């Protein structure tokens, strides 16, 4: 039982260091993403107005 654990402890750092880190390249924002952000912003604004309207009625 000790031999597999010792081999695992020895080989794990070697397996982890096989590939170097590649920095992610940011992608440009698409028109669809901007449209979705606009829609989400308007829906959020409508929700805030609805909450304000409901709270002020009390």
PDB file of N, CA and C in Angstrom:
ATOM      1  N   UNK A   1       0.823  -1.203   0.000  1.00  0.00           N
ATOM      2  CA  UNK A   1       0.000   0.000   0.000  1.00  0.00           C
ATOM      3  C   UNK A   1       0.860   1.255   0.000  1.00  0.00           C
ATOM      4  N   UNK A   2       2.016   1.188   0.580  1.00  0.00           N
ATOM      5  CA  UNK A   2       2.875   2.374   0.622  1.00  0.00           C
ATOM      6  C   UNK A   2       3.510   2.674  -0.729  1.00  0.00           C
ATOM      7  N   UNK A   3       3.846   1.629  -1.471  1.00  0.00           N
ATOM      8  CA  UNK A   3       4.532   1.840  -2.749  1.00  0.00           C
ATOM      9  C   UNK A   3       3.684   2.653  -3.732  1.00  0.00           C
ATOM     10  N   UNK A   4       2.396   2.345  -3.920  1.00  0.00           N
ATOM     11  CA  UNK A   4       1.613   3.189  -4.830  1.00  0.00           C
ATOM     12  C   UNK A   4       1.506   4.632  -4.342  1.00  0.00           C
ATOM     13  N   UNK A   5       1.397   4.834  -3.027  1.00  0.00           N
ATOM     14  CA  UNK A   5       1.323   6.208  -2.513  1.00  0.00           C
ATOM     15  C   UNK A   5       2.622   6.959  -2.737  1.00  0.00           C
ATOM     16  N   UNK A   6       3.742   6.267  -2.561  1.00  0.00           N
ATOM     17  CA  UNK A   6       5.047   6.910  -2.783  1.00  0.00           C
ATOM     18  C   UNK A   6       5.217   7.248  -4.256  1.00  0.00           C
ATOM     19  N   UNK A   7       4.840   6.336  -5.146  1.00  0.00           N
ATOM     20  CA  UNK A   7       4.937   6.613  -6.587  1.00  0.00           C
ATOM     21  C   UNK A   7       4.007   7.756  -6.994  1.00  0.00           C
ATOM     22  N   UNK A   8       2.831   7.769  -6.432  1.00  0.00           N
ATOM     23  CA  UNK A   8       1.887   8.847  -6.728  1.00  0.00           C
ATOM     24  C   UNK A   8       2.442  10.198  -6.265  1.00  0.00           C
ATOM     25  N   UNK A   9       3.031  10.224  -5.081  1.00  0.00           N
ATOM     26  CA  UNK A   9       3.600  11.463  -4.544  1.00  0.00           C
ATOM     27  C   UNK A   9       4.789  11.932  -5.370  1.00  0.00           C
ATOM     28  N   UNK A  10       5.533  11.004  -5.947  1.00  0.00           N
ATOM     29  CA  UNK A  10       6.693  11.377  -6.753  1.00  0.00           C
ATOM     30  C   UNK A  10       6.265  11.837  -8.147  1.00  0.00           C
ATOM     31  N   UNK A  11       5.274  11.166  -8.739  1.00  0.00           N
ATOM     32  CA  UNK A  11       4.900  11.461 -10.123  1.00  0.00           C
ATOM     33  C   UNK A  11       3.909  12.611 -10.271  1.00  0.00           C
ATOM     34  N   UNK A  12       3.174  12.951  -9.241  1.00  0.00           N
ATOM     35  CA  UNK A  12       2.170  14.006  -9.350  1.00  0.00           C
ATOM     36  C   UNK A  12       2.765  15.365  -9.729  1.00  0.00           C
ATOM     37  N   UNK A  13       3.838  15.825  -9.098  1.00  0.00           N
ATOM     38  CA  UNK A  13       4.395  17.124  -9.534  1.00  0.00           C
ATOM     39  C   UNK A  13       4.886  17.096 -10.975  1.00  0.00           C
ATOM     40  N   UNK A  14       5.393  15.969 -11.430  1.00  0.00           N
ATOM     41  CA  UNK A  14       5.862  15.880 -12.812  1.00  0.00           C
ATOM     42  C   UNK A  14       4.685  15.970 -13.779  1.00  0.00           C
ATOM     43  N   UNK A  15       3.561  15.377 -13.437  1.00  0.00           N
ATOM     44  CA  UNK A  15       2.384  15.450 -14.297  1.00  0.00           C
ATOM     45  C   UNK A  15       1.799  16.856 -14.308  1.00  0.00           C
ATOM     46  N   UNK A  16       1.861  17.537 -13.195  1.00  0.00           N
ATOM     47  CA  UNK A  16       1.291  18.879 -13.109  1.00  0.00           C
ATOM     48  C   UNK A  16       2.116  19.906 -13.866  1.00  0.00           C
ATOM     49  N   UNK A  17       3.400  19.665 -14.021  1.00  0.00           N
ATOM     50  CA  UNK A  17       4.288  20.638 -14.653  1.00  0.00           C
ATOM     51  C   UNK A  17       4.513  20.353 -16.134  1.00  0.00           C
ATOM     52  N   UNK A  18       3.731  19.477 -16.745  1.00  0.00           N
ATOM     53  CA  UNK A  18       3.992  19.130 -18.137  1.00  0.00           C
ATOM     54  C   UNK A  18       3.587  20.222 -19.112  1.00  0.00           C
ATOM     55  N   UNK A  19       2.586  21.040 -18.791  1.00  0.00           N
ATOM     56  CA  UNK A  19       2.127  22.065 -19.717  1.00  0.00           C
ATOM     57  C   UNK A  19       2.267  23.440 -19.080  1.00  0.00           C
ATOM     58  N   UNK A  20       2.781  24.388 -19.836  1.00  0.00           N
ATOM     59  CA  UNK A  20       2.926  25.745 -19.304  1.00  0.00           C
ATOM     60  C   UNK A  20       1.589  26.464 -19.383  1.00  0.00           C
ATOM     61  N   UNK A  21       1.469  27.465 -18.560  1.00  0.00           N
ATOM     62  CA  UNK A  21       0.218  28.233 -18.507  1.00  0.00           C
ATOM     63  C   UNK A  21       0.109  29.124 -19.729  1.00  0.00           C
ATOM     64  N   UNK A  22      -1.041  29.062 -20.399  1.00  0.00           N
ATOM     65  CA  UNK A  22      -1.312  29.924 -21.550  1.00  0.00           C
ATOM     66  C   UNK A  22      -2.317  30.985 -21.117  1.00  0.00           C
ATOM     67  N   UNK A  23      -1.911  32.234 -21.208  1.00  0.00           N
ATOM     68  CA  UNK A  23      -2.820  33.312 -20.815  1.00  0.00           C
ATOM     69  C   UNK A  23      -4.000  33.369 -21.782  1.00  0.00           C
ATOM     70  N   UNK A  24      -5.223  33.532 -21.253  1.00  0.00           N
ATOM     71  CA  UNK A  24      -6.375  33.650 -22.145  1.00  0.00           C
ATOM     72  C   UNK A  24      -6.351  34.982 -22.884  1.00  0.00           C
ATOM     73  N   UNK A  25      -6.725  34.938 -24.142  1.00  0.00           N
ATOM     74  CA  UNK A  25      -6.759  36.144 -24.963  1.00  0.00           C
ATOM     75  C   UNK A  25      -8.188  36.678 -24.945  1.00  0.00           C
ATOM     76  N   UNK A  26      -8.395  37.905 -24.492  1.00  0.00           N
ATOM     77  CA  UNK A  26      -9.752  38.447 -24.459  1.00  0.00           C
ATOM     78  C   UNK A  26     -10.330  38.573 -25.864  1.00  0.00           C
ATOM     79  N   UNK A  27     -11.581  38.192 -25.996  1.00  0.00           N
ATOM     80  CA  UNK A  27     -12.260  38.287 -27.284  1.00  0.00           C
ATOM     81  C   UNK A  27     -12.994  39.624 -27.360  1.00  0.00           C
ATOM     82  N   UNK A  28     -13.119  40.188 -28.542  1.00  0.00           N
ATOM     83  CA  UNK A  28     -13.861  41.443 -28.663  1.00  0.00           C
ATOM     84  C   UNK A  28     -15.347  41.217 -28.390  1.00  0.00           C
ATOM     85  N   UNK A  29     -15.984  42.249 -27.882  1.00  0.00           N
ATOM     86  CA  UNK A  29     -17.410  42.154 -27.583  1.00  0.00           C
ATOM     87  C   UNK A  29     -18.205  42.229 -28.886  1.00  0.00           C
ATOM     88  N   UNK A  30     -19.121  41.291 -29.041  1.00  0.00           N
ATOM     89  CA  UNK A  30     -19.903  41.227 -30.270  1.00  0.00           C
ATOM     90  C   UNK A  30     -21.153  42.096 -30.156  1.00  0.00           C
ATOM     91  N   UNK A  31     -21.785  42.314 -31.286  1.00  0.00           N
ATOM     92  CA  UNK A  31     -23.017  43.098 -31.311  1.00  0.00           C
ATOM     93  C   UNK A  31     -24.132  42.376 -30.554  1.00  0.00           C
ATOM     94  N   UNK A  32     -24.145  41.043 -30.644  1.00  0.00           N
ATOM     95  CA  UNK A  32     -25.157  40.277 -29.916  1.00  0.00           C
ATOM     96  C   UNK A  32     -24.983  40.444 -28.409  1.00  0.00           C
ATOM     97  N   UNK A  33     -23.743  40.469 -27.951  1.00  0.00           N
ATOM     98  CA  UNK A  33     -23.484  40.639 -26.521  1.00  0.00           C
ATOM     99  C   UNK A  33     -23.922  42.031 -26.062  1.00  0.00           C
ATOM    100  N   UNK A  34     -23.662  43.032 -26.882  1.00  0.00           N
ATOM    101  CA  UNK A  34     -24.089  44.380 -26.523  1.00  0.00           C
ATOM    102  C   UNK A  34     -25.607  44.485 -26.480  1.00  0.00           C
ATOM    103  N   UNK A  35     -26.291  43.824 -27.418  1.00  0.00           N
ATOM    104  CA  UNK A  35     -27.748  43.833 -27.432  1.00  0.00           C
ATOM    105  C   UNK A  35     -28.316  43.112 -26.206  1.00  0.00           C
ATOM    106  N   UNK A  36     -27.703  42.001 -25.841  1.00  0.00           N
ATOM    107  CA  UNK A  36     -28.157  41.265 -24.659  1.00  0.00           C
ATOM    108  C   UNK A  36     -27.928  42.103 -23.395  1.00  0.00           C
ATOM    109  N   UNK A  37     -26.807  42.796 -23.329  1.00  0.00           N
ATOM    110  CA  UNK A  37     -26.528  43.656 -22.176  1.00  0.00           C
ATOM    111  C   UNK A  37     -27.540  44.806 -22.103  1.00  0.00           C
ATOM    112  N   UNK A  38     -27.886  45.378 -23.242  1.00  0.00           N
ATOM    113  CA  UNK A  38     -28.883  46.446 -23.273  1.00  0.00           C
ATOM    114  C   UNK A  38     -30.236  45.931 -22.792  1.00  0.00           C
ATOM    115  N   UNK A  39     -30.639  44.759 -23.278  1.00  0.00           N
ATOM    116  CA  UNK A  39     -31.923  44.186 -22.866  1.00  0.00           C
ATOM    117  C   UNK A  39     -31.932  43.892 -21.369  1.00  0.00           C
ATOM    118  N   UNK A  40     -30.844  43.323 -20.864  1.00  0.00           N
ATOM    119  CA  UNK A  40     -30.777  43.019 -19.435  1.00  0.00           C
ATOM    120  C   UNK A  40     -30.803  44.293 -18.603  1.00  0.00           C
ATOM    121  N   UNK A  41     -30.140  45.333 -19.076  1.00  0.00           N
ATOM    122  CA  UNK A  41     -30.143  46.605 -18.349  1.00  0.00           C
ATOM    123  C   UNK A  41     -31.535  47.218 -18.300  1.00  0.00           C
ATOM    124  N   UNK A  42     -32.252  47.164 -19.415  1.00  0.00           N
ATOM    125  CA  UNK A  42     -33.607  47.720 -19.440  1.00  0.00           C
ATOM    126  C   UNK A  42     -34.561  46.921 -18.557  1.00  0.00           C
ATOM    127  N   UNK A  43     -34.426  45.602 -18.564  1.00  0.00           N
ATOM    128  CA  UNK A  43     -35.268  44.771 -17.704  1.00  0.00           C
ATOM    129  C   UNK A  43     -34.963  45.047 -16.231  1.00  0.00           C
ATOM    130  N   UNK A  44     -33.688  45.207 -15.903  1.00  0.00           N
ATOM    131  CA  UNK A  44     -33.309  45.511 -14.527  1.00  0.00           C
ATOM    132  C   UNK A  44     -33.853  46.875 -14.105  1.00  0.00           C
ATOM    133  N   UNK A  45     -33.779  47.845 -14.986  1.00  0.00           N
ATOM    134  CA  UNK A  45     -34.307  49.167 -14.697  1.00  0.00           C
ATOM    135  C   UNK A  45     -35.822  49.113 -14.495  1.00  0.00           C
ATOM    136  N   UNK A  46     -36.512  48.338 -15.323  1.00  0.00           N
ATOM    137  CA  UNK A  46     -37.963  48.183 -15.166  1.00  0.00           C
ATOM    138  C   UNK A  46     -38.295  47.516 -13.830  1.00  0.00           C
ATOM    139  N   UNK A  47     -37.494  46.549 -13.424  1.00  0.00           N
ATOM    140  CA  UNK A  47     -37.724  45.893 -12.137  1.00  0.00           C
ATOM    141  C   UNK A  47     -37.514  46.877 -10.988  1.00  0.00           C
ATOM    142  N   UNK A  48     -36.496  47.711 -11.076  1.00  0.00           N
ATOM    143  CA  UNK A  48     -36.273  48.715 -10.035  1.00  0.00           C
ATOM    144  C   UNK A  48     -37.428  49.707  -9.955  1.00  0.00           C
ATOM    145  N   UNK A  49     -37.939  50.132 -11.109  1.00  0.00           N
ATOM    146  CA  UNK A  49     -39.075  51.049 -11.126  1.00  0.00           C
ATOM    147  C   UNK A  49     -40.297  50.375 -10.527  1.00  0.00           C
ATOM    148  N   UNK A  50     -40.518  49.100 -10.853  1.00  0.00           N
ATOM    149  CA  UNK A  50     -41.674  48.373 -10.315  1.00  0.00           C
ATOM    150  C   UNK A  50     -41.565  48.233  -8.801  1.00  0.00           C
ATOM    151  N   UNK A  51     -40.395  47.959  -8.291  1.00  0.00           N
ATOM    152  CA  UNK A  51     -40.221  47.843  -6.842  1.00  0.00           C
ATOM    153  C   UNK A  51     -40.459  49.186  -6.178  1.00  0.00           C
ATOM    154  N   UNK A  52     -39.945  50.254  -6.744  1.00  0.00           N
ATOM    155  CA  UNK A  52     -40.154  51.586  -6.190  1.00  0.00           C
ATOM    156  C   UNK A  52     -41.642  51.931  -6.187  1.00  0.00           C
ATOM    157  N   UNK A  53     -42.338  51.600  -7.258  1.00  0.00           N
ATOM    158  CA  UNK A  53     -43.768  51.872  -7.346  1.00  0.00           C
ATOM    159  C   UNK A  53     -44.540  51.078  -6.288  1.00  0.00           C
ATOM    160  N   UNK A  54     -44.171  49.781  -6.103  1.00  0.00           N
ATOM    161  CA  UNK A  54     -44.853  48.964  -5.106  1.00  0.00           C
ATOM    162  C   UNK A  54     -44.568  49.431  -3.676  1.00  0.00           C
ATOM    163  N   UNK A  55     -43.363  49.862  -3.416  1.00  0.00           N
ATOM    164  CA  UNK A  55     -42.996  50.295  -2.061  1.00  0.00           C
ATOM    165  C   UNK A  55     -43.639  51.644  -1.746  1.00  0.00           C
ATOM    166  N   UNK A  56     -43.723  52.520  -2.708  1.00  0.00           N
ATOM    167  CA  UNK A  56     -44.275  53.848  -2.438  1.00  0.00           C
ATOM    168  C   UNK A  56     -45.793  53.802  -2.236  1.00  0.00           C
ATOM    169  N   UNK A  57     -46.455  52.756  -2.701  1.00  0.00           N
ATOM    170  CA  UNK A  57     -47.916  52.637  -2.527  1.00  0.00           C
ATOM    171  C   UNK A  57     -48.307  52.283  -1.093  1.00  0.00           C
ATOM    172  N   UNK A  58     -47.394  51.748  -0.323  1.00  0.00           N
ATOM    173  CA  UNK A  58     -47.734  51.312   1.047  1.00  0.00           C
ATOM    174  C   UNK A  58     -47.878  52.457   1.955  1.00  0.00           C
TER     175      UNK A  58
END
